[in-house]
Amino acid sequence: MGTRREITKQYARDYAKGAKKAKGAVLDELVAVTGWSRANARRALSTARKRKGPAKAVVRKPRGRTYGYGTLKVLIEVWRFAGMPSGKYLAATMDLWLPKLEAFGELDKDRLTPEVRAQLLKVSGATIDRLLKPTKDAGRPKGLSATKAGPLLRNSITVRKAGDEHEQAPGFIEADMVVHCGPTLAGEFARTLTATDVFTGWTENVAVRNGAHKWVLEAMDEVVARLPFPMVGLDTDYAEENAKPRNCVVGRATRGIGILSSA
């Protein structure tokens, strides 16, 4: 595009000085060089003749922010109290939520000025989604894992691959620990021991206080007691709670290797 503009600038001088026939010849030559139509070439010559110096890109001034920080903070509060709905739904119900939350003192009074209130009542659903995007992104789970790789059980128990053939009889259990930690592993949080029979799909879930061996073994005993068939094999990944299975024996189960509870 820049080359075409420079060529047009050169032709524009001859086009402005030439007679009618000469102008027609310049126009024909410009059309042949650029591939433009005659009407487009004529407009380009007229614009280039008026332009002084090389063409410059138009620099747009950034638009000022319509909704300030105070409006954003109050919007986040209303959104959370409303159950974190979509922007379209929140915009449609803002006139219901805002006065109720204000009446019960749930919103920041210092930030909820008349100007902020007026902006919240007229903000569109698309703008709400745009303003809340950083808050939503920050609150999404990060897919944290509480499992750590280690060689202890891997060296003691035969490793089976995901593509290996499944057992054709009930009693072979796949167990894993689900941590209910939110976006961080810091602090204390509950866990769920999930045990699933590979053949039947029978699943048992037991809440566990934390990852201590004591609670994990008690939960595993509860799983064994609930199963409608005897457990003959147990597959787990490596984690701190099963790294040193106390009161457990590691032995060979029927048609495979498993961790069997002493109970």
C-alpha atoms as a PDB file:
ATOM      1  CA  MET A   1       0.000   0.000   0.000  1.00  0.00           C
ATOM      2  CA  GLY A   2       2.847   2.378   0.820  1.00  0.00           C
ATOM      3  CA  THR A   3       4.466   1.724  -2.599  1.00  0.00           C
ATOM      4  CA  ARG A   4       1.196   2.428  -4.375  1.00  0.00           C
ATOM      5  CA  ARG A   5       0.867   5.718  -2.536  1.00  0.00           C
ATOM      6  CA  GLU A   6       4.358   6.783  -3.545  1.00  0.00           C
ATOM      7  CA  ILE A   7       3.706   5.833  -7.193  1.00  0.00           C
ATOM      8  CA  THR A   8       0.421   7.709  -7.115  1.00  0.00           C
ATOM      9  CA  LYS A   9       2.192  10.762  -5.700  1.00  0.00           C
ATOM     10  CA  GLN A  10       4.597  10.754  -8.671  1.00  0.00           C
ATOM     11  CA  TYR A  11       1.811  10.348 -11.219  1.00  0.00           C
ATOM     12  CA  ALA A  12      -0.221  13.075  -9.525  1.00  0.00           C
ATOM     13  CA  ARG A  13       2.291  15.749 -10.529  1.00  0.00           C
ATOM     14  CA  ASP A  14       2.083  14.811 -14.230  1.00  0.00           C
ATOM     15  CA  TYR A  15      -1.675  14.433 -13.988  1.00  0.00           C
ATOM     16  CA  ALA A  16      -2.102  17.939 -12.566  1.00  0.00           C
ATOM     17  CA  LYS A  17       0.111  19.619 -15.208  1.00  0.00           C
ATOM     18  CA  GLY A  18      -1.031  17.651 -18.274  1.00  0.00           C
ATOM     19  CA  ALA A  19      -3.741  18.406 -20.798  1.00  0.00           C
ATOM     20  CA  LYS A  20      -6.839  16.264 -21.225  1.00  0.00           C
ATOM     21  CA  LYS A  21      -5.120  13.686 -23.442  1.00  0.00           C
ATOM     22  CA  ALA A  22      -2.059  13.578 -21.197  1.00  0.00           C
ATOM     23  CA  LYS A  23      -4.253  13.085 -18.137  1.00  0.00           C
ATOM     24  CA  GLY A  24      -5.959  10.151 -19.849  1.00  0.00           C
ATOM     25  CA  ALA A  25      -2.575   8.592 -20.618  1.00  0.00           C
ATOM     26  CA  VAL A  26      -1.397   9.047 -17.006  1.00  0.00           C
ATOM     27  CA  LEU A  27      -4.616   7.525 -15.748  1.00  0.00           C
ATOM     28  CA  ASP A  28      -4.260   4.510 -18.076  1.00  0.00           C
ATOM     29  CA  GLU A  29      -0.680   3.940 -16.973  1.00  0.00           C
ATOM     30  CA  LEU A  30      -1.596   4.154 -13.275  1.00  0.00           C
ATOM     31  CA  VAL A  31      -4.424   1.656 -13.754  1.00  0.00           C
ATOM     32  CA  ALA A  32      -2.017  -0.746 -15.500  1.00  0.00           C
ATOM     33  CA  VAL A  33       0.613  -0.425 -12.736  1.00  0.00           C
ATOM     34  CA  THR A  34      -1.658  -0.625  -9.671  1.00  0.00           C
ATOM     35  CA  GLY A  35      -4.584  -2.715 -10.923  1.00  0.00           C
ATOM     36  CA  TRP A  36      -7.097  -0.136  -9.701  1.00  0.00           C
ATOM     37  CA  SER A  37     -10.229   0.820 -11.553  1.00  0.00           C
ATOM     38  CA  ARG A  38     -10.181   4.169 -13.394  1.00  0.00           C
ATOM     39  CA  ALA A  39     -12.546   5.718 -10.851  1.00  0.00           C
ATOM     40  CA  ASN A  40     -10.403   4.567  -7.936  1.00  0.00           C
ATOM     41  CA  ALA A  41      -7.210   5.733  -9.681  1.00  0.00           C
ATOM     42  CA  ARG A  42      -8.771   9.137 -10.330  1.00  0.00           C
ATOM     43  CA  ARG A  43      -9.709   9.523  -6.649  1.00  0.00           C
ATOM     44  CA  ALA A  44      -6.222   8.442  -5.561  1.00  0.00           C
ATOM     45  CA  LEU A  45      -4.600  11.019  -7.864  1.00  0.00           C
ATOM     46  CA  SER A  46      -6.846  13.760  -6.540  1.00  0.00           C
ATOM     47  CA  THR A  47      -6.051  12.847  -2.916  1.00  0.00           C
ATOM     48  CA  ALA A  48      -2.303  12.541  -3.579  1.00  0.00           C
ATOM     49  CA  ARG A  49      -2.245  15.961  -5.256  1.00  0.00           C
ATOM     50  CA  LYS A  50      -3.687  17.595  -2.124  1.00  0.00           C
ATOM     51  CA  ARG A  51      -1.475  15.668   0.278  1.00  0.00           C
ATOM     52  CA  LYS A  52       1.749  17.329   1.375  1.00  0.00           C
ATOM     53  CA  GLY A  53       4.554  14.946   2.215  1.00  0.00           C
ATOM     54  CA  PRO A  54       4.201  11.158   2.697  1.00  0.00           C
ATOM     55  CA  ALA A  55       0.946   9.697   3.952  1.00  0.00           C
ATOM     56  CA  LYS A  56       0.852   9.121   7.698  1.00  0.00           C
ATOM     57  CA  ALA A  57      -1.174   6.580   9.603  1.00  0.00           C
ATOM     58  CA  VAL A  58      -4.028   7.996  11.634  1.00  0.00           C
ATOM     59  CA  VAL A  59      -3.229   7.792  15.345  1.00  0.00           C
ATOM     60  CA  ARG A  60      -6.364   7.481  17.439  1.00  0.00           C
ATOM     61  CA  LYS A  61      -6.422   8.903  20.915  1.00  0.00           C
ATOM     62  CA  PRO A  62      -7.294   6.314  23.547  1.00  0.00           C
ATOM     63  CA  ARG A  63     -10.818   6.685  24.850  1.00  0.00           C
ATOM     64  CA  GLY A  64     -11.099   7.631  28.484  1.00  0.00           C
ATOM     65  CA  ARG A  65     -12.515   5.170  30.989  1.00  0.00           C
ATOM     66  CA  THR A  66     -16.250   5.452  31.519  1.00  0.00           C
ATOM     67  CA  TYR A  67     -16.425   3.254  34.610  1.00  0.00           C
ATOM     68  CA  GLY A  68     -13.972   4.014  37.391  1.00  0.00           C
ATOM     69  CA  TYR A  69     -12.383   1.815  40.026  1.00  0.00           C
ATOM     70  CA  GLY A  70     -15.154   2.503  42.544  1.00  0.00           C
ATOM     71  CA  THR A  71     -17.808   1.342  40.083  1.00  0.00           C
ATOM     72  CA  LEU A  72     -15.841  -1.820  39.371  1.00  0.00           C
ATOM     73  CA  LYS A  73     -15.467  -2.703  43.062  1.00  0.00           C
ATOM     74  CA  VAL A  74     -19.183  -2.252  43.772  1.00  0.00           C
ATOM     75  CA  LEU A  75     -20.028  -4.225  40.618  1.00  0.00           C
ATOM     76  CA  ILE A  76     -17.884  -7.130  41.841  1.00  0.00           C
ATOM     77  CA  GLU A  77     -19.707  -7.082  45.203  1.00  0.00           C
ATOM     78  CA  VAL A  78     -23.147  -7.118  43.562  1.00  0.00           C
ATOM     79  CA  TRP A  79     -22.062  -9.864  41.148  1.00  0.00           C
ATOM     80  CA  ARG A  80     -20.885 -12.116  43.987  1.00  0.00           C
ATOM     81  CA  PHE A  81     -23.994 -11.576  46.106  1.00  0.00           C
ATOM     82  CA  ALA A  82     -26.155 -12.316  43.041  1.00  0.00           C
ATOM     83  CA  GLY A  83     -24.496 -15.718  42.630  1.00  0.00           C
ATOM     84  CA  MET A  84     -21.955 -14.761  39.941  1.00  0.00           C
ATOM     85  CA  PRO A  85     -24.418 -14.693  37.009  1.00  0.00           C
ATOM     86  CA  SER A  86     -23.660 -13.712  33.433  1.00  0.00           C
ATOM     87  CA  GLY A  87     -23.402 -10.041  32.532  1.00  0.00           C
ATOM     88  CA  LYS A  88     -26.647 -10.141  30.562  1.00  0.00           C
ATOM     89  CA  TYR A  89     -28.595 -11.528  33.521  1.00  0.00           C
ATOM     90  CA  LEU A  90     -26.987  -9.171  36.029  1.00  0.00           C
ATOM     91  CA  ALA A  91     -27.733  -6.114  33.879  1.00  0.00           C
ATOM     92  CA  ALA A  92     -31.402  -7.147  33.680  1.00  0.00           C
ATOM     93  CA  THR A  93     -31.681  -7.620  37.469  1.00  0.00           C
ATOM     94  CA  MET A  94     -29.405  -4.820  38.655  1.00  0.00           C
ATOM     95  CA  ASP A  95     -32.346  -2.611  39.641  1.00  0.00           C
ATOM     96  CA  LEU A  96     -33.497  -5.422  41.967  1.00  0.00           C
ATOM     97  CA  TRP A  97     -30.165  -6.350  43.520  1.00  0.00           C
ATOM     98  CA  LEU A  98     -28.673  -2.910  44.055  1.00  0.00           C
ATOM     99  CA  PRO A  99     -31.374  -1.356  46.310  1.00  0.00           C
ATOM    100  CA  LYS A 100     -31.782  -4.571  48.338  1.00  0.00           C
ATOM    101  CA  LEU A 101     -28.053  -4.969  48.990  1.00  0.00           C
ATOM    102  CA  GLU A 102     -27.742  -1.288  49.799  1.00  0.00           C
ATOM    103  CA  ALA A 103     -30.670  -1.447  52.229  1.00  0.00           C
ATOM    104  CA  PHE A 104     -29.103  -4.352  54.134  1.00  0.00           C
ATOM    105  CA  GLY A 105     -25.689  -2.660  54.259  1.00  0.00           C
ATOM    106  CA  GLU A 106     -23.909  -5.277  52.162  1.00  0.00           C
ATOM    107  CA  LEU A 107     -22.169  -2.787  49.849  1.00  0.00           C
ATOM    108  CA  ASP A 108     -19.274  -0.395  50.428  1.00  0.00           C
ATOM    109  CA  LYS A 109     -21.001   2.887  51.365  1.00  0.00           C
ATOM    110  CA  ASP A 110     -17.920   4.971  50.616  1.00  0.00           C
ATOM    111  CA  ARG A 111     -17.770   3.757  47.027  1.00  0.00           C
ATOM    112  CA  LEU A 112     -21.512   3.632  46.371  1.00  0.00           C
ATOM    113  CA  THR A 113     -21.902   7.274  45.365  1.00  0.00           C
ATOM    114  CA  PRO A 114     -24.869   8.588  43.332  1.00  0.00           C
ATOM    115  CA  GLU A 115     -22.642   8.568  40.232  1.00  0.00           C
ATOM    116  CA  VAL A 116     -21.627   4.929  40.783  1.00  0.00           C
ATOM    117  CA  ARG A 117     -25.246   3.952  41.403  1.00  0.00           C
ATOM    118  CA  ALA A 118     -26.351   5.632  38.164  1.00  0.00           C
ATOM    119  CA  GLN A 119     -23.599   3.871  36.198  1.00  0.00           C
ATOM    120  CA  LEU A 120     -24.473   0.455  37.594  1.00  0.00           C
ATOM    121  CA  LEU A 121     -28.138   0.889  36.698  1.00  0.00           C
ATOM    122  CA  LYS A 122     -27.356   1.677  33.063  1.00  0.00           C
ATOM    123  CA  VAL A 123     -24.329  -0.566  32.379  1.00  0.00           C
ATOM    124  CA  SER A 124     -24.876  -3.149  29.622  1.00  0.00           C
ATOM    125  CA  GLY A 125     -24.403  -6.892  29.930  1.00  0.00           C
ATOM    126  CA  ALA A 126     -21.468  -6.935  27.510  1.00  0.00           C
ATOM    127  CA  THR A 127     -19.691  -4.213  29.500  1.00  0.00           C
ATOM    128  CA  ILE A 128     -20.285  -6.125  32.738  1.00  0.00           C
ATOM    129  CA  ASP A 129     -18.658  -9.224  31.243  1.00  0.00           C
ATOM    130  CA  ARG A 130     -15.706  -7.131  30.032  1.00  0.00           C
ATOM    131  CA  LEU A 131     -15.223  -5.438  33.416  1.00  0.00           C
ATOM    132  CA  LEU A 132     -15.509  -8.701  35.359  1.00  0.00           C
ATOM    133  CA  LYS A 133     -13.237 -10.760  33.076  1.00  0.00           C
ATOM    134  CA  PRO A 134     -10.043 -10.260  35.192  1.00  0.00           C
ATOM    135  CA  THR A 135     -11.968 -11.170  38.360  1.00  0.00           C
ATOM    136  CA  LYS A 136     -13.434 -14.293  36.762  1.00  0.00           C
ATOM    137  CA  ASP A 137     -10.065 -15.368  35.357  1.00  0.00           C
ATOM    138  CA  ALA A 138      -8.381 -14.942  38.755  1.00  0.00           C
ATOM    139  CA  GLY A 139     -11.019 -17.081  40.472  1.00  0.00           C
ATOM    140  CA  ARG A 140     -10.873 -20.034  38.090  1.00  0.00           C
ATOM    141  CA  PRO A 141      -9.334 -23.251  39.478  1.00  0.00           C
ATOM    142  CA  LYS A 142      -5.753 -23.740  38.353  1.00  0.00           C
ATOM    143  CA  GLY A 143      -5.953 -27.522  38.141  1.00  0.00           C
ATOM    144  CA  LEU A 144      -3.673 -28.062  41.132  1.00  0.00           C
ATOM    145  CA  SER A 145      -2.448 -31.552  41.958  1.00  0.00           C
ATOM    146  CA  ALA A 146      -1.531 -32.814  45.405  1.00  0.00           C
ATOM    147  CA  THR A 147       0.210 -35.872  43.963  1.00  0.00           C
ATOM    148  CA  LYS A 148       4.009 -36.057  43.882  1.00  0.00           C
ATOM    149  CA  ALA A 149       6.036 -38.480  41.821  1.00  0.00           C
ATOM    150  CA  GLY A 150       8.157 -40.965  43.708  1.00  0.00           C
ATOM    151  CA  PRO A 151       9.830 -44.367  43.251  1.00  0.00           C
ATOM    152  CA  LEU A 152       8.695 -46.187  46.425  1.00  0.00           C
ATOM    153  CA  LEU A 153       5.469 -47.832  45.289  1.00  0.00           C
ATOM    154  CA  ARG A 154       6.526 -47.847  41.663  1.00  0.00           C
ATOM    155  CA  ASN A 155       9.447 -50.134  42.524  1.00  0.00           C
ATOM    156  CA  SER A 156       7.387 -52.345  44.844  1.00  0.00           C
ATOM    157  CA  ILE A 157       4.301 -52.854  42.687  1.00  0.00           C
ATOM    158  CA  THR A 158       3.971 -53.872  39.067  1.00  0.00           C
ATOM    159  CA  VAL A 159       3.147 -50.843  36.939  1.00  0.00           C
ATOM    160  CA  ARG A 160       0.284 -51.194  34.515  1.00  0.00           C
ATOM    161  CA  LYS A 161      -0.306 -48.822  31.633  1.00  0.00           C
ATOM    162  CA  ALA A 162      -3.545 -47.039  30.776  1.00  0.00           C
ATOM    163  CA  GLY A 163      -3.874 -49.048  27.576  1.00  0.00           C
ATOM    164  CA  ASP A 164      -3.599 -52.432  29.317  1.00  0.00           C
ATOM    165  CA  GLU A 165      -6.624 -54.735  29.271  1.00  0.00           C
ATOM    166  CA  HIS A 166      -9.008 -54.251  32.176  1.00  0.00           C
ATOM    167  CA  GLU A 167      -9.868 -57.084  34.524  1.00  0.00           C
ATOM    168  CA  GLN A 168     -12.982 -59.010  33.602  1.00  0.00           C
ATOM    169  CA  ALA A 169     -14.098 -59.597  37.184  1.00  0.00           C
ATOM    170  CA  PRO A 170     -15.192 -57.295  40.024  1.00  0.00           C
ATOM    171  CA  GLY A 171     -12.885 -56.495  42.920  1.00  0.00           C
ATOM    172  CA  PHE A 172     -10.072 -54.571  41.231  1.00  0.00           C
ATOM    173  CA  ILE A 173     -10.309 -51.024  42.554  1.00  0.00           C
ATOM    174  CA  GLU A 174      -8.854 -47.770  41.209  1.00  0.00           C
ATOM    175  CA  ALA A 175      -8.509 -45.232  44.060  1.00  0.00           C
ATOM    176  CA  ASP A 176      -7.500 -41.589  44.098  1.00  0.00           C
ATOM    177  CA  MET A 177      -7.684 -38.640  46.455  1.00  0.00           C
ATOM    178  CA  VAL A 178      -9.580 -35.504  45.448  1.00  0.00           C
ATOM    179  CA  VAL A 179      -8.491 -32.359  47.289  1.00  0.00           C
ATOM    180  CA  HIS A 180     -11.060 -29.633  47.977  1.00  0.00           C
ATOM    181  CA  CYS A 181      -8.546 -26.789  48.208  1.00  0.00           C
ATOM    182  CA  GLY A 182      -9.852 -24.182  45.768  1.00  0.00           C
ATOM    183  CA  PRO A 183      -7.133 -22.247  43.924  1.00  0.00           C
ATOM    184  CA  THR A 184      -4.372 -22.939  46.488  1.00  0.00           C
ATOM    185  CA  LEU A 185      -2.872 -25.897  48.344  1.00  0.00           C
ATOM    186  CA  ALA A 186      -1.983 -23.757  51.373  1.00  0.00           C
ATOM    187  CA  GLY A 187      -3.556 -24.518  54.739  1.00  0.00           C
ATOM    188  CA  GLU A 188      -5.922 -27.273  55.858  1.00  0.00           C
ATOM    189  CA  PHE A 189      -8.718 -28.563  53.623  1.00  0.00           C
ATOM    190  CA  ALA A 190     -10.917 -31.624  53.279  1.00  0.00           C
ATOM    191  CA  ARG A 191     -10.330 -34.438  50.833  1.00  0.00           C
ATOM    192  CA  THR A 192     -12.399 -37.200  49.283  1.00  0.00           C
ATOM    193  CA  LEU A 193     -11.139 -40.725  48.731  1.00  0.00           C
ATOM    194  CA  THR A 194     -12.784 -42.002  45.552  1.00  0.00           C
ATOM    195  CA  ALA A 195     -12.614 -45.736  44.866  1.00  0.00           C
ATOM    196  CA  THR A 196     -14.040 -47.222  41.649  1.00  0.00           C
ATOM    197  CA  ASP A 197     -14.306 -50.838  40.596  1.00  0.00           C
ATOM    198  CA  VAL A 198     -12.798 -51.171  37.113  1.00  0.00           C
ATOM    199  CA  PHE A 199     -15.166 -53.901  35.901  1.00  0.00           C
ATOM    200  CA  THR A 200     -18.552 -52.801  37.271  1.00  0.00           C
ATOM    201  CA  GLY A 201     -17.983 -49.052  37.733  1.00  0.00           C
ATOM    202  CA  TRP A 202     -19.208 -49.265  41.337  1.00  0.00           C
ATOM    203  CA  THR A 203     -17.888 -46.141  43.109  1.00  0.00           C
ATOM    204  CA  GLU A 204     -17.525 -45.306  46.776  1.00  0.00           C
ATOM    205  CA  ASN A 205     -16.638 -41.844  48.107  1.00  0.00           C
ATOM    206  CA  VAL A 206     -15.398 -41.239  51.652  1.00  0.00           C
ATOM    207  CA  ALA A 207     -14.664 -37.806  53.137  1.00  0.00           C
ATOM    208  CA  VAL A 208     -11.189 -37.559  54.656  1.00  0.00           C
ATOM    209  CA  ARG A 209     -10.064 -34.895  57.108  1.00  0.00           C
ATOM    210  CA  ASN A 210      -6.610 -34.525  55.545  1.00  0.00           C
ATOM    211  CA  GLY A 211      -3.912 -36.592  53.897  1.00  0.00           C
ATOM    212  CA  ALA A 212      -2.609 -38.254  57.084  1.00  0.00           C
ATOM    213  CA  HIS A 213      -2.074 -42.021  56.791  1.00  0.00           C
ATOM    214  CA  LYS A 214      -4.464 -42.652  59.687  1.00  0.00           C
ATOM    215  CA  TRP A 215      -7.460 -41.087  57.939  1.00  0.00           C
ATOM    216  CA  VAL A 216      -6.632 -42.621  54.557  1.00  0.00           C
ATOM    217  CA  LEU A 217      -6.419 -46.139  56.022  1.00  0.00           C
ATOM    218  CA  GLU A 218      -9.678 -45.670  57.939  1.00  0.00           C
ATOM    219  CA  ALA A 219     -11.381 -44.447  54.770  1.00  0.00           C
ATOM    220  CA  MET A 220     -10.008 -47.413  52.814  1.00  0.00           C
ATOM    221  CA  ASP A 221     -11.354 -49.814  55.447  1.00  0.00           C
ATOM    222  CA  GLU A 222     -14.753 -48.130  55.104  1.00  0.00           C
ATOM    223  CA  VAL A 223     -14.616 -48.545  51.330  1.00  0.00           C
ATOM    224  CA  VAL A 224     -13.837 -52.277  51.717  1.00  0.00           C
ATOM    225  CA  ALA A 225     -16.765 -52.672  54.137  1.00  0.00           C
ATOM    226  CA  ARG A 226     -19.183 -50.946  51.746  1.00  0.00           C
ATOM    227  CA  LEU A 227     -18.260 -52.913  48.616  1.00  0.00           C
ATOM    228  CA  PRO A 228     -20.814 -55.609  47.653  1.00  0.00           C
ATOM    229  CA  PHE A 229     -17.912 -57.871  46.601  1.00  0.00           C
ATOM    230  CA  PRO A 230     -14.446 -58.551  48.060  1.00  0.00           C
ATOM    231  CA  MET A 231     -11.608 -56.266  47.031  1.00  0.00           C
ATOM    232  CA  VAL A 232      -8.819 -58.301  45.460  1.00  0.00           C
ATOM    233  CA  GLY A 233      -6.672 -55.524  43.996  1.00  0.00           C
ATOM    234  CA  LEU A 234      -6.067 -51.824  44.502  1.00  0.00           C
ATOM    235  CA  ASP A 235      -4.399 -49.417  42.072  1.00  0.00           C
ATOM    236  CA  THR A 236      -3.321 -45.951  43.240  1.00  0.00           C
ATOM    237  CA  ASP A 237      -0.937 -43.281  42.076  1.00  0.00           C
ATOM    238  CA  TYR A 238       1.914 -42.019  44.233  1.00  0.00           C
ATOM    239  CA  ALA A 239       1.088 -39.471  46.930  1.00  0.00           C
ATOM    240  CA  GLU A 240       2.310 -38.613  50.390  1.00  0.00           C
ATOM    241  CA  GLU A 241      -0.653 -40.311  52.035  1.00  0.00           C
ATOM    242  CA  ASN A 242       0.160 -43.702  50.461  1.00  0.00           C
ATOM    243  CA  ALA A 243       3.940 -43.352  50.248  1.00  0.00           C
ATOM    244  CA  LYS A 244       4.390 -45.346  53.480  1.00  0.00           C
ATOM    245  CA  PRO A 245       1.222 -47.421  53.912  1.00  0.00           C
ATOM    246  CA  ARG A 246       1.309 -48.312  57.593  1.00  0.00           C
ATOM    247  CA  ASN A 247      -0.840 -51.240  58.786  1.00  0.00           C
ATOM    248  CA  CYS A 248      -0.975 -52.322  55.146  1.00  0.00           C
ATOM    249  CA  VAL A 249       0.617 -55.242  53.402  1.00  0.00           C
ATOM    250  CA  VAL A 250       1.833 -55.048  49.832  1.00  0.00           C
ATOM    251  CA  GLY A 251       1.186 -58.362  48.198  1.00  0.00           C
ATOM    252  CA  ARG A 252       0.171 -60.195  45.050  1.00  0.00           C
ATOM    253  CA  ALA A 253      -3.575 -60.227  44.463  1.00  0.00           C
ATOM    254  CA  THR A 254      -5.494 -62.467  42.124  1.00  0.00           C
ATOM    255  CA  ARG A 255      -4.451 -61.780  38.525  1.00  0.00           C
ATOM    256  CA  GLY A 256      -2.432 -58.720  39.462  1.00  0.00           C
ATOM    257  CA  ILE A 257      -0.503 -56.805  42.082  1.00  0.00           C
ATOM    258  CA  GLY A 258      -2.353 -54.715  44.651  1.00  0.00           C
ATOM    259  CA  ILE A 259      -2.180 -53.067  48.069  1.00  0.00           C
ATOM    260  CA  LEU A 260      -4.328 -55.063  50.425  1.00  0.00           C
ATOM    261  CA  SER A 261      -5.546 -53.808  53.791  1.00  0.00           C
ATOM    262  CA  SER A 262      -4.585 -55.932  56.776  1.00  0.00           C
ATOM    263  CA  ALA A 263      -8.187 -55.736  57.918  1.00  0.00           C
END
